[in-house]
Amino acid sequence: MSLRDQLPLPKATVNLPGGGSATVRGISPDDVARIYHRHSGELAVLFDHFAGKMQANDGDTDALVGALTGTLLNEAPRLLAEIIAVAMDADTTSADFDEDVDHLLRFSAGVQTAALEAIAGLTFSSDMPPGKFFALVLKMMTAATRANLGPQAA
């Protein structure tokens, strides 16, 4: 019996208008890293911005989570569709991934929001609330950015 059989990932069903449904799972820091690397240029600036704000706020992440979410909703709808695609186990390296994301972008805001809420419910927990999760991701992405830029980034 494989580990996948012994420890299946929790999933949630998102109902679609017209009677269909989609299944999503929570996202992991590794998932976020894969999405980050697809958009490293544009997201590096965003992550650096929020990392600086986090340090200035002594790690008080609750307000920063709201600000990050608002920024993503307004400025990066494609990124949110990619998060949904990854939570549906789409392969970011597949030739069809961009078309899958385009398809998800055509769903209504209500369907996309329902999917993101289900994903958030499976991603965050009492021991890993959103602020702590984003703090971990920010540390990972800051380290990755510095590693990619070399010693001058320190």
N, C-alpha and C. Protein backbone atom coordinates (compact mmCIF):
# COMPACT_ATOMS: atom_id res chain seq x y z
N MET A 1 0.85 -1.18 0.00
CA MET A 1 0.00 0.00 0.00
C MET A 1 0.89 1.24 0.00
N SER A 2 0.62 2.16 -0.91
CA SER A 2 1.44 3.36 -1.02
C SER A 2 1.08 4.37 0.06
N LEU A 3 1.98 5.31 0.24
CA LEU A 3 1.74 6.40 1.19
C LEU A 3 0.51 7.21 0.78
N ARG A 4 0.33 7.39 -0.53
CA ARG A 4 -0.87 8.11 -1.01
C ARG A 4 -2.15 7.42 -0.60
N ASP A 5 -2.12 6.08 -0.55
CA ASP A 5 -3.31 5.34 -0.13
C ASP A 5 -3.51 5.44 1.38
N GLN A 6 -2.41 5.46 2.11
CA GLN A 6 -2.50 5.52 3.57
C GLN A 6 -2.87 6.90 4.08
N LEU A 7 -2.40 7.93 3.39
CA LEU A 7 -2.62 9.32 3.81
C LEU A 7 -3.19 10.15 2.66
N PRO A 8 -4.43 9.91 2.29
CA PRO A 8 -4.99 10.68 1.19
C PRO A 8 -5.14 12.16 1.58
N LEU A 9 -4.94 13.03 0.61
CA LEU A 9 -5.09 14.45 0.85
C LEU A 9 -6.57 14.79 1.03
N PRO A 10 -6.89 15.60 2.03
CA PRO A 10 -8.28 16.03 2.17
C PRO A 10 -8.70 16.84 0.95
N LYS A 11 -9.92 16.65 0.51
CA LYS A 11 -10.43 17.36 -0.67
C LYS A 11 -11.82 17.90 -0.38
N ALA A 12 -12.22 18.86 -1.18
CA ALA A 12 -13.55 19.45 -1.08
C ALA A 12 -14.14 19.54 -2.47
N THR A 13 -15.45 19.51 -2.53
CA THR A 13 -16.16 19.61 -3.80
C THR A 13 -16.73 21.01 -3.95
N VAL A 14 -16.51 21.59 -5.11
CA VAL A 14 -17.07 22.89 -5.45
C VAL A 14 -18.15 22.65 -6.49
N ASN A 15 -19.38 23.05 -6.18
CA ASN A 15 -20.50 22.86 -7.10
C ASN A 15 -20.47 23.94 -8.18
N LEU A 16 -20.74 23.52 -9.40
CA LEU A 16 -20.76 24.42 -10.54
C LEU A 16 -22.20 24.64 -10.99
N PRO A 17 -22.47 25.82 -11.53
CA PRO A 17 -23.81 26.05 -12.08
C PRO A 17 -24.08 25.03 -13.18
N GLY A 18 -25.28 24.53 -13.24
CA GLY A 18 -25.62 23.55 -14.27
C GLY A 18 -25.45 22.12 -13.80
N GLY A 19 -25.03 21.93 -12.55
CA GLY A 19 -24.99 20.59 -12.00
C GLY A 19 -23.64 19.91 -11.94
N GLY A 20 -22.61 20.46 -12.51
CA GLY A 20 -21.29 19.84 -12.43
C GLY A 20 -20.61 20.15 -11.11
N SER A 21 -19.43 19.61 -10.93
CA SER A 21 -18.65 19.89 -9.73
C SER A 21 -17.16 19.73 -10.03
N ALA A 22 -16.36 20.30 -9.16
CA ALA A 22 -14.90 20.18 -9.26
C ALA A 22 -14.37 19.83 -7.88
N THR A 23 -13.28 19.12 -7.83
CA THR A 23 -12.66 18.73 -6.57
C THR A 23 -11.36 19.48 -6.42
N VAL A 24 -11.16 20.07 -5.23
CA VAL A 24 -9.93 20.80 -4.93
C VAL A 24 -9.32 20.27 -3.64
N ARG A 25 -8.05 20.56 -3.47
CA ARG A 25 -7.32 20.23 -2.25
C ARG A 25 -6.68 21.50 -1.74
N GLY A 26 -6.12 21.44 -0.56
CA GLY A 26 -5.36 22.57 -0.05
C GLY A 26 -4.05 22.70 -0.81
N ILE A 27 -3.44 23.87 -0.73
CA ILE A 27 -2.15 24.05 -1.38
C ILE A 27 -1.05 24.00 -0.32
N SER A 28 0.10 23.58 -0.76
CA SER A 28 1.26 23.45 0.13
C SER A 28 2.26 24.55 -0.17
N PRO A 29 3.22 24.77 0.72
CA PRO A 29 4.29 25.71 0.39
C PRO A 29 5.00 25.34 -0.92
N ASP A 30 5.13 24.05 -1.21
CA ASP A 30 5.75 23.62 -2.47
C ASP A 30 4.92 24.07 -3.67
N ASP A 31 3.59 23.98 -3.55
CA ASP A 31 2.72 24.46 -4.63
C ASP A 31 2.95 25.95 -4.87
N VAL A 32 3.01 26.71 -3.78
CA VAL A 32 3.22 28.15 -3.89
C VAL A 32 4.58 28.42 -4.54
N ALA A 33 5.58 27.65 -4.17
CA ALA A 33 6.91 27.83 -4.76
C ALA A 33 6.89 27.58 -6.26
N ARG A 34 6.15 26.55 -6.70
CA ARG A 34 6.06 26.26 -8.14
C ARG A 34 5.38 27.41 -8.88
N ILE A 35 4.32 27.94 -8.30
CA ILE A 35 3.63 29.08 -8.93
C ILE A 35 4.55 30.30 -8.91
N TYR A 36 5.23 30.49 -7.80
CA TYR A 36 6.16 31.63 -7.68
C TYR A 36 7.21 31.57 -8.79
N HIS A 37 7.78 30.40 -9.04
CA HIS A 37 8.82 30.28 -10.05
C HIS A 37 8.30 30.53 -11.46
N ARG A 38 7.01 30.30 -11.69
CA ARG A 38 6.41 30.61 -13.00
C ARG A 38 6.31 32.12 -13.20
N HIS A 39 6.22 32.85 -12.10
CA HIS A 39 6.02 34.31 -12.16
C HIS A 39 7.07 35.03 -11.31
N SER A 40 8.27 34.50 -11.25
CA SER A 40 9.26 35.00 -10.29
C SER A 40 9.53 36.49 -10.43
N GLY A 41 9.58 37.00 -11.64
CA GLY A 41 9.88 38.42 -11.82
C GLY A 41 8.83 39.31 -11.18
N GLU A 42 7.58 39.10 -11.55
CA GLU A 42 6.52 39.95 -11.02
C GLU A 42 6.23 39.68 -9.55
N LEU A 43 6.35 38.42 -9.11
CA LEU A 43 6.05 38.11 -7.72
C LEU A 43 7.19 38.43 -6.77
N ALA A 44 8.42 38.46 -7.27
CA ALA A 44 9.55 38.79 -6.40
C ALA A 44 9.37 40.17 -5.79
N VAL A 45 8.92 41.11 -6.60
CA VAL A 45 8.68 42.47 -6.11
C VAL A 45 7.58 42.46 -5.06
N LEU A 46 6.50 41.73 -5.34
CA LEU A 46 5.37 41.65 -4.40
C LEU A 46 5.81 41.01 -3.08
N PHE A 47 6.52 39.88 -3.16
CA PHE A 47 6.96 39.21 -1.94
C PHE A 47 7.96 40.07 -1.16
N ASP A 48 8.87 40.73 -1.84
CA ASP A 48 9.81 41.62 -1.16
C ASP A 48 9.07 42.74 -0.45
N HIS A 49 8.06 43.30 -1.13
CA HIS A 49 7.25 44.37 -0.55
C HIS A 49 6.58 43.90 0.75
N PHE A 50 5.94 42.73 0.69
CA PHE A 50 5.25 42.23 1.88
C PHE A 50 6.22 41.74 2.94
N ALA A 51 7.38 41.22 2.55
CA ALA A 51 8.38 40.82 3.54
C ALA A 51 8.87 42.05 4.31
N GLY A 52 9.09 43.15 3.61
CA GLY A 52 9.49 44.39 4.27
C GLY A 52 8.42 44.89 5.22
N LYS A 53 7.16 44.82 4.80
CA LYS A 53 6.06 45.25 5.67
C LYS A 53 5.96 44.34 6.89
N MET A 54 6.20 43.04 6.71
CA MET A 54 6.11 42.11 7.82
C MET A 54 7.19 42.43 8.86
N GLN A 55 8.40 42.72 8.41
CA GLN A 55 9.47 43.08 9.34
C GLN A 55 9.14 44.38 10.06
N ALA A 56 8.58 45.33 9.34
CA ALA A 56 8.22 46.61 9.95
C ALA A 56 7.11 46.46 10.98
N ASN A 57 6.25 45.46 10.80
CA ASN A 57 5.14 45.22 11.72
C ASN A 57 5.46 44.17 12.77
N ASP A 58 6.74 43.84 12.94
CA ASP A 58 7.16 42.83 13.91
C ASP A 58 6.43 41.50 13.73
N GLY A 59 6.19 41.13 12.48
CA GLY A 59 5.59 39.84 12.19
C GLY A 59 4.08 39.79 12.37
N ASP A 60 3.40 40.91 12.61
CA ASP A 60 1.95 40.92 12.73
C ASP A 60 1.37 40.72 11.34
N THR A 61 0.98 39.48 11.05
CA THR A 61 0.63 39.13 9.67
C THR A 61 -0.85 39.22 9.34
N ASP A 62 -1.72 39.35 10.32
CA ASP A 62 -3.16 39.34 10.01
C ASP A 62 -3.55 40.44 9.02
N ALA A 63 -3.11 41.66 9.26
CA ALA A 63 -3.43 42.76 8.35
C ALA A 63 -2.73 42.55 7.01
N LEU A 64 -1.53 41.98 7.04
CA LEU A 64 -0.79 41.76 5.80
C LEU A 64 -1.46 40.71 4.92
N VAL A 65 -2.07 39.71 5.55
CA VAL A 65 -2.77 38.68 4.78
C VAL A 65 -3.92 39.32 4.01
N GLY A 66 -4.67 40.17 4.67
CA GLY A 66 -5.77 40.86 3.99
C GLY A 66 -5.27 41.73 2.85
N ALA A 67 -4.17 42.43 3.08
CA ALA A 67 -3.60 43.29 2.04
C ALA A 67 -3.10 42.46 0.86
N LEU A 68 -2.44 41.33 1.15
CA LEU A 68 -1.93 40.47 0.09
C LEU A 68 -3.08 39.90 -0.74
N THR A 69 -4.12 39.43 -0.05
CA THR A 69 -5.27 38.87 -0.74
C THR A 69 -5.94 39.92 -1.62
N GLY A 70 -6.12 41.12 -1.08
CA GLY A 70 -6.72 42.19 -1.86
C GLY A 70 -5.89 42.54 -3.08
N THR A 71 -4.59 42.59 -2.91
CA THR A 71 -3.70 42.89 -4.02
C THR A 71 -3.81 41.82 -5.10
N LEU A 72 -3.82 40.56 -4.69
CA LEU A 72 -3.92 39.47 -5.66
C LEU A 72 -5.26 39.50 -6.39
N LEU A 73 -6.33 39.76 -5.67
CA LEU A 73 -7.65 39.81 -6.31
C LEU A 73 -7.72 40.91 -7.36
N ASN A 74 -7.13 42.05 -7.06
CA ASN A 74 -7.21 43.18 -7.97
C ASN A 74 -6.19 43.12 -9.10
N GLU A 75 -5.00 42.65 -8.80
CA GLU A 75 -3.91 42.76 -9.77
C GLU A 75 -3.47 41.45 -10.40
N ALA A 76 -3.91 40.33 -9.85
CA ALA A 76 -3.40 39.06 -10.36
C ALA A 76 -4.47 37.97 -10.44
N PRO A 77 -5.55 38.22 -11.18
CA PRO A 77 -6.59 37.19 -11.27
C PRO A 77 -6.07 35.89 -11.90
N ARG A 78 -5.10 36.00 -12.81
CA ARG A 78 -4.53 34.79 -13.42
C ARG A 78 -3.80 33.95 -12.38
N LEU A 79 -3.10 34.61 -11.48
CA LEU A 79 -2.41 33.90 -10.41
C LEU A 79 -3.40 33.12 -9.54
N LEU A 80 -4.52 33.74 -9.22
CA LEU A 80 -5.54 33.05 -8.42
C LEU A 80 -6.11 31.85 -9.19
N ALA A 81 -6.30 32.01 -10.51
CA ALA A 81 -6.76 30.88 -11.33
C ALA A 81 -5.71 29.77 -11.34
N GLU A 82 -4.43 30.14 -11.33
CA GLU A 82 -3.37 29.12 -11.26
C GLU A 82 -3.41 28.39 -9.93
N ILE A 83 -3.71 29.11 -8.85
CA ILE A 83 -3.83 28.46 -7.54
C ILE A 83 -4.97 27.43 -7.59
N ILE A 84 -6.09 27.81 -8.20
CA ILE A 84 -7.20 26.87 -8.33
C ILE A 84 -6.78 25.66 -9.17
N ALA A 85 -6.09 25.91 -10.27
CA ALA A 85 -5.65 24.81 -11.14
C ALA A 85 -4.73 23.86 -10.38
N VAL A 86 -3.79 24.40 -9.63
CA VAL A 86 -2.87 23.54 -8.86
C VAL A 86 -3.64 22.75 -7.80
N ALA A 87 -4.63 23.39 -7.18
CA ALA A 87 -5.44 22.70 -6.18
C ALA A 87 -6.32 21.62 -6.80
N MET A 88 -6.49 21.69 -8.11
CA MET A 88 -7.21 20.64 -8.84
C MET A 88 -6.24 19.62 -9.42
N ASP A 89 -4.97 19.71 -8.99
CA ASP A 89 -3.89 18.80 -9.39
C ASP A 89 -3.48 18.93 -10.85
N ALA A 90 -3.66 20.12 -11.43
CA ALA A 90 -3.13 20.37 -12.77
C ALA A 90 -1.62 20.45 -12.68
N ASP A 91 -0.95 19.96 -13.67
CA ASP A 91 0.51 19.95 -13.72
C ASP A 91 1.01 21.26 -14.31
N THR A 92 1.74 22.05 -13.52
CA THR A 92 2.24 23.35 -13.98
C THR A 92 3.23 23.21 -15.13
N THR A 93 3.80 22.03 -15.32
CA THR A 93 4.76 21.83 -16.42
C THR A 93 4.09 21.30 -17.69
N SER A 94 2.80 21.01 -17.63
CA SER A 94 2.08 20.48 -18.78
C SER A 94 1.91 21.54 -19.87
N ALA A 95 1.92 21.10 -21.10
CA ALA A 95 1.68 22.01 -22.22
C ALA A 95 0.26 22.58 -22.17
N ASP A 96 -0.65 21.91 -21.51
CA ASP A 96 -2.05 22.34 -21.42
C ASP A 96 -2.33 23.26 -20.23
N PHE A 97 -1.34 23.49 -19.37
CA PHE A 97 -1.60 24.23 -18.13
C PHE A 97 -2.15 25.63 -18.40
N ASP A 98 -1.55 26.37 -19.32
CA ASP A 98 -2.03 27.73 -19.59
C ASP A 98 -3.46 27.73 -20.13
N GLU A 99 -3.79 26.76 -20.96
CA GLU A 99 -5.16 26.64 -21.46
C GLU A 99 -6.13 26.29 -20.34
N ASP A 100 -5.69 25.42 -19.41
CA ASP A 100 -6.52 25.09 -18.25
C ASP A 100 -6.80 26.33 -17.41
N VAL A 101 -5.78 27.15 -17.22
CA VAL A 101 -5.94 28.38 -16.44
C VAL A 101 -6.87 29.33 -17.17
N ASP A 102 -6.71 29.47 -18.48
CA ASP A 102 -7.61 30.31 -19.27
C ASP A 102 -9.06 29.85 -19.09
N HIS A 103 -9.27 28.54 -19.08
CA HIS A 103 -10.61 27.99 -18.90
C HIS A 103 -11.16 28.39 -17.53
N LEU A 104 -10.35 28.26 -16.50
CA LEU A 104 -10.80 28.62 -15.15
C LEU A 104 -11.13 30.11 -15.05
N LEU A 105 -10.40 30.94 -15.76
CA LEU A 105 -10.66 32.39 -15.74
C LEU A 105 -12.03 32.74 -16.31
N ARG A 106 -12.60 31.86 -17.12
CA ARG A 106 -13.91 32.13 -17.72
C ARG A 106 -15.06 31.79 -16.77
N PHE A 107 -14.77 31.13 -15.65
CA PHE A 107 -15.83 30.86 -14.68
C PHE A 107 -16.19 32.15 -13.95
N SER A 108 -17.39 32.19 -13.44
CA SER A 108 -17.86 33.40 -12.75
C SER A 108 -17.02 33.65 -11.50
N ALA A 109 -17.08 34.90 -11.04
CA ALA A 109 -16.38 35.25 -9.81
C ALA A 109 -16.89 34.42 -8.64
N GLY A 110 -18.17 34.10 -8.65
CA GLY A 110 -18.74 33.29 -7.58
C GLY A 110 -18.14 31.89 -7.51
N VAL A 111 -17.98 31.27 -8.67
CA VAL A 111 -17.38 29.92 -8.73
C VAL A 111 -15.92 29.99 -8.30
N GLN A 112 -15.19 30.98 -8.81
CA GLN A 112 -13.78 31.11 -8.44
C GLN A 112 -13.64 31.38 -6.94
N THR A 113 -14.50 32.22 -6.40
CA THR A 113 -14.45 32.51 -4.97
C THR A 113 -14.76 31.27 -4.15
N ALA A 114 -15.77 30.51 -4.56
CA ALA A 114 -16.11 29.27 -3.85
C ALA A 114 -14.93 28.31 -3.86
N ALA A 115 -14.25 28.20 -5.00
CA ALA A 115 -13.09 27.32 -5.09
C ALA A 115 -11.97 27.81 -4.17
N LEU A 116 -11.69 29.12 -4.18
CA LEU A 116 -10.63 29.67 -3.32
C LEU A 116 -10.97 29.51 -1.85
N GLU A 117 -12.24 29.67 -1.49
CA GLU A 117 -12.64 29.47 -0.10
C GLU A 117 -12.45 28.02 0.32
N ALA A 118 -12.81 27.08 -0.56
CA ALA A 118 -12.61 25.66 -0.25
C ALA A 118 -11.12 25.35 -0.12
N ILE A 119 -10.32 25.91 -1.00
CA ILE A 119 -8.86 25.70 -0.95
C ILE A 119 -8.31 26.26 0.35
N ALA A 120 -8.73 27.47 0.71
CA ALA A 120 -8.27 28.08 1.97
C ALA A 120 -8.67 27.22 3.17
N GLY A 121 -9.88 26.70 3.15
CA GLY A 121 -10.34 25.86 4.25
C GLY A 121 -9.51 24.60 4.42
N LEU A 122 -8.96 24.10 3.31
CA LEU A 122 -8.12 22.90 3.35
C LEU A 122 -6.65 23.23 3.57
N THR A 123 -6.25 24.47 3.31
CA THR A 123 -4.85 24.87 3.43
C THR A 123 -4.52 25.33 4.84
N PHE A 124 -5.41 26.09 5.42
CA PHE A 124 -5.14 26.70 6.72
C PHE A 124 -5.81 25.90 7.83
N SER A 125 -5.19 25.94 9.01
CA SER A 125 -5.72 25.25 10.18
C SER A 125 -5.39 26.07 11.42
N SER A 126 -5.82 25.60 12.57
CA SER A 126 -5.54 26.34 13.80
C SER A 126 -4.05 26.39 14.09
N ASP A 127 -3.30 25.34 13.70
CA ASP A 127 -1.85 25.36 13.93
C ASP A 127 -1.08 25.99 12.77
N MET A 128 -1.76 26.25 11.65
CA MET A 128 -1.14 26.93 10.51
C MET A 128 -2.16 27.92 9.93
N PRO A 129 -2.44 28.99 10.69
CA PRO A 129 -3.39 29.99 10.19
C PRO A 129 -2.79 30.74 9.00
N PRO A 130 -3.62 31.51 8.29
CA PRO A 130 -3.12 32.19 7.08
C PRO A 130 -1.86 33.02 7.32
N GLY A 131 -1.83 33.77 8.40
CA GLY A 131 -0.66 34.61 8.66
C GLY A 131 0.62 33.80 8.79
N LYS A 132 0.55 32.70 9.51
CA LYS A 132 1.72 31.86 9.70
C LYS A 132 2.13 31.19 8.38
N PHE A 133 1.15 30.76 7.59
CA PHE A 133 1.42 30.14 6.29
C PHE A 133 2.11 31.13 5.37
N PHE A 134 1.55 32.35 5.27
CA PHE A 134 2.14 33.36 4.40
C PHE A 134 3.51 33.79 4.90
N ALA A 135 3.70 33.82 6.21
CA ALA A 135 5.03 34.15 6.75
C ALA A 135 6.05 33.10 6.31
N LEU A 136 5.66 31.83 6.37
CA LEU A 136 6.53 30.74 5.93
C LEU A 136 6.84 30.88 4.44
N VAL A 137 5.81 31.14 3.65
CA VAL A 137 6.01 31.28 2.20
C VAL A 137 6.89 32.49 1.90
N LEU A 138 6.66 33.61 2.60
CA LEU A 138 7.49 34.79 2.39
C LEU A 138 8.95 34.50 2.68
N LYS A 139 9.23 33.77 3.76
CA LYS A 139 10.61 33.40 4.09
C LYS A 139 11.21 32.53 3.00
N MET A 140 10.42 31.56 2.51
CA MET A 140 10.91 30.67 1.45
C MET A 140 11.21 31.46 0.17
N MET A 141 10.30 32.35 -0.20
CA MET A 141 10.46 33.09 -1.45
C MET A 141 11.57 34.12 -1.33
N THR A 142 11.73 34.74 -0.17
CA THR A 142 12.83 35.69 0.03
C THR A 142 14.16 34.96 -0.08
N ALA A 143 14.25 33.78 0.52
CA ALA A 143 15.48 32.99 0.43
C ALA A 143 15.73 32.56 -1.01
N ALA A 144 14.68 32.17 -1.72
CA ALA A 144 14.84 31.75 -3.11
C ALA A 144 15.28 32.92 -3.98
N THR A 145 14.71 34.09 -3.75
CA THR A 145 15.08 35.28 -4.52
C THR A 145 16.54 35.63 -4.27
N ARG A 146 16.96 35.58 -3.02
CA ARG A 146 18.35 35.89 -2.70
C ARG A 146 19.29 34.88 -3.32
N ALA A 147 18.89 33.61 -3.28
CA ALA A 147 19.73 32.57 -3.87
C ALA A 147 19.87 32.77 -5.38
N ASN A 148 18.76 33.18 -6.03
CA ASN A 148 18.81 33.41 -7.48
C ASN A 148 19.63 34.64 -7.85
N LEU A 149 19.61 35.65 -6.98
CA LEU A 149 20.34 36.89 -7.27
C LEU A 149 21.79 36.84 -6.85
N GLY A 150 22.13 35.91 -5.96
CA GLY A 150 23.51 35.76 -5.51
C GLY A 150 23.84 36.70 -4.35
N PRO A 151 25.12 36.86 -4.03
CA PRO A 151 25.57 37.60 -2.86
C PRO A 151 25.10 39.07 -2.84
N GLN A 152 24.90 39.69 -4.00
CA GLN A 152 24.49 41.09 -4.00
C GLN A 152 23.11 41.31 -3.39
N ALA A 153 22.28 40.24 -3.23
CA ALA A 153 20.94 40.39 -2.68
C ALA A 153 20.93 40.42 -1.17
N ALA A 154 22.03 40.07 -0.54
CA ALA A 154 22.06 39.97 0.93
C ALA A 154 22.01 41.33 1.59
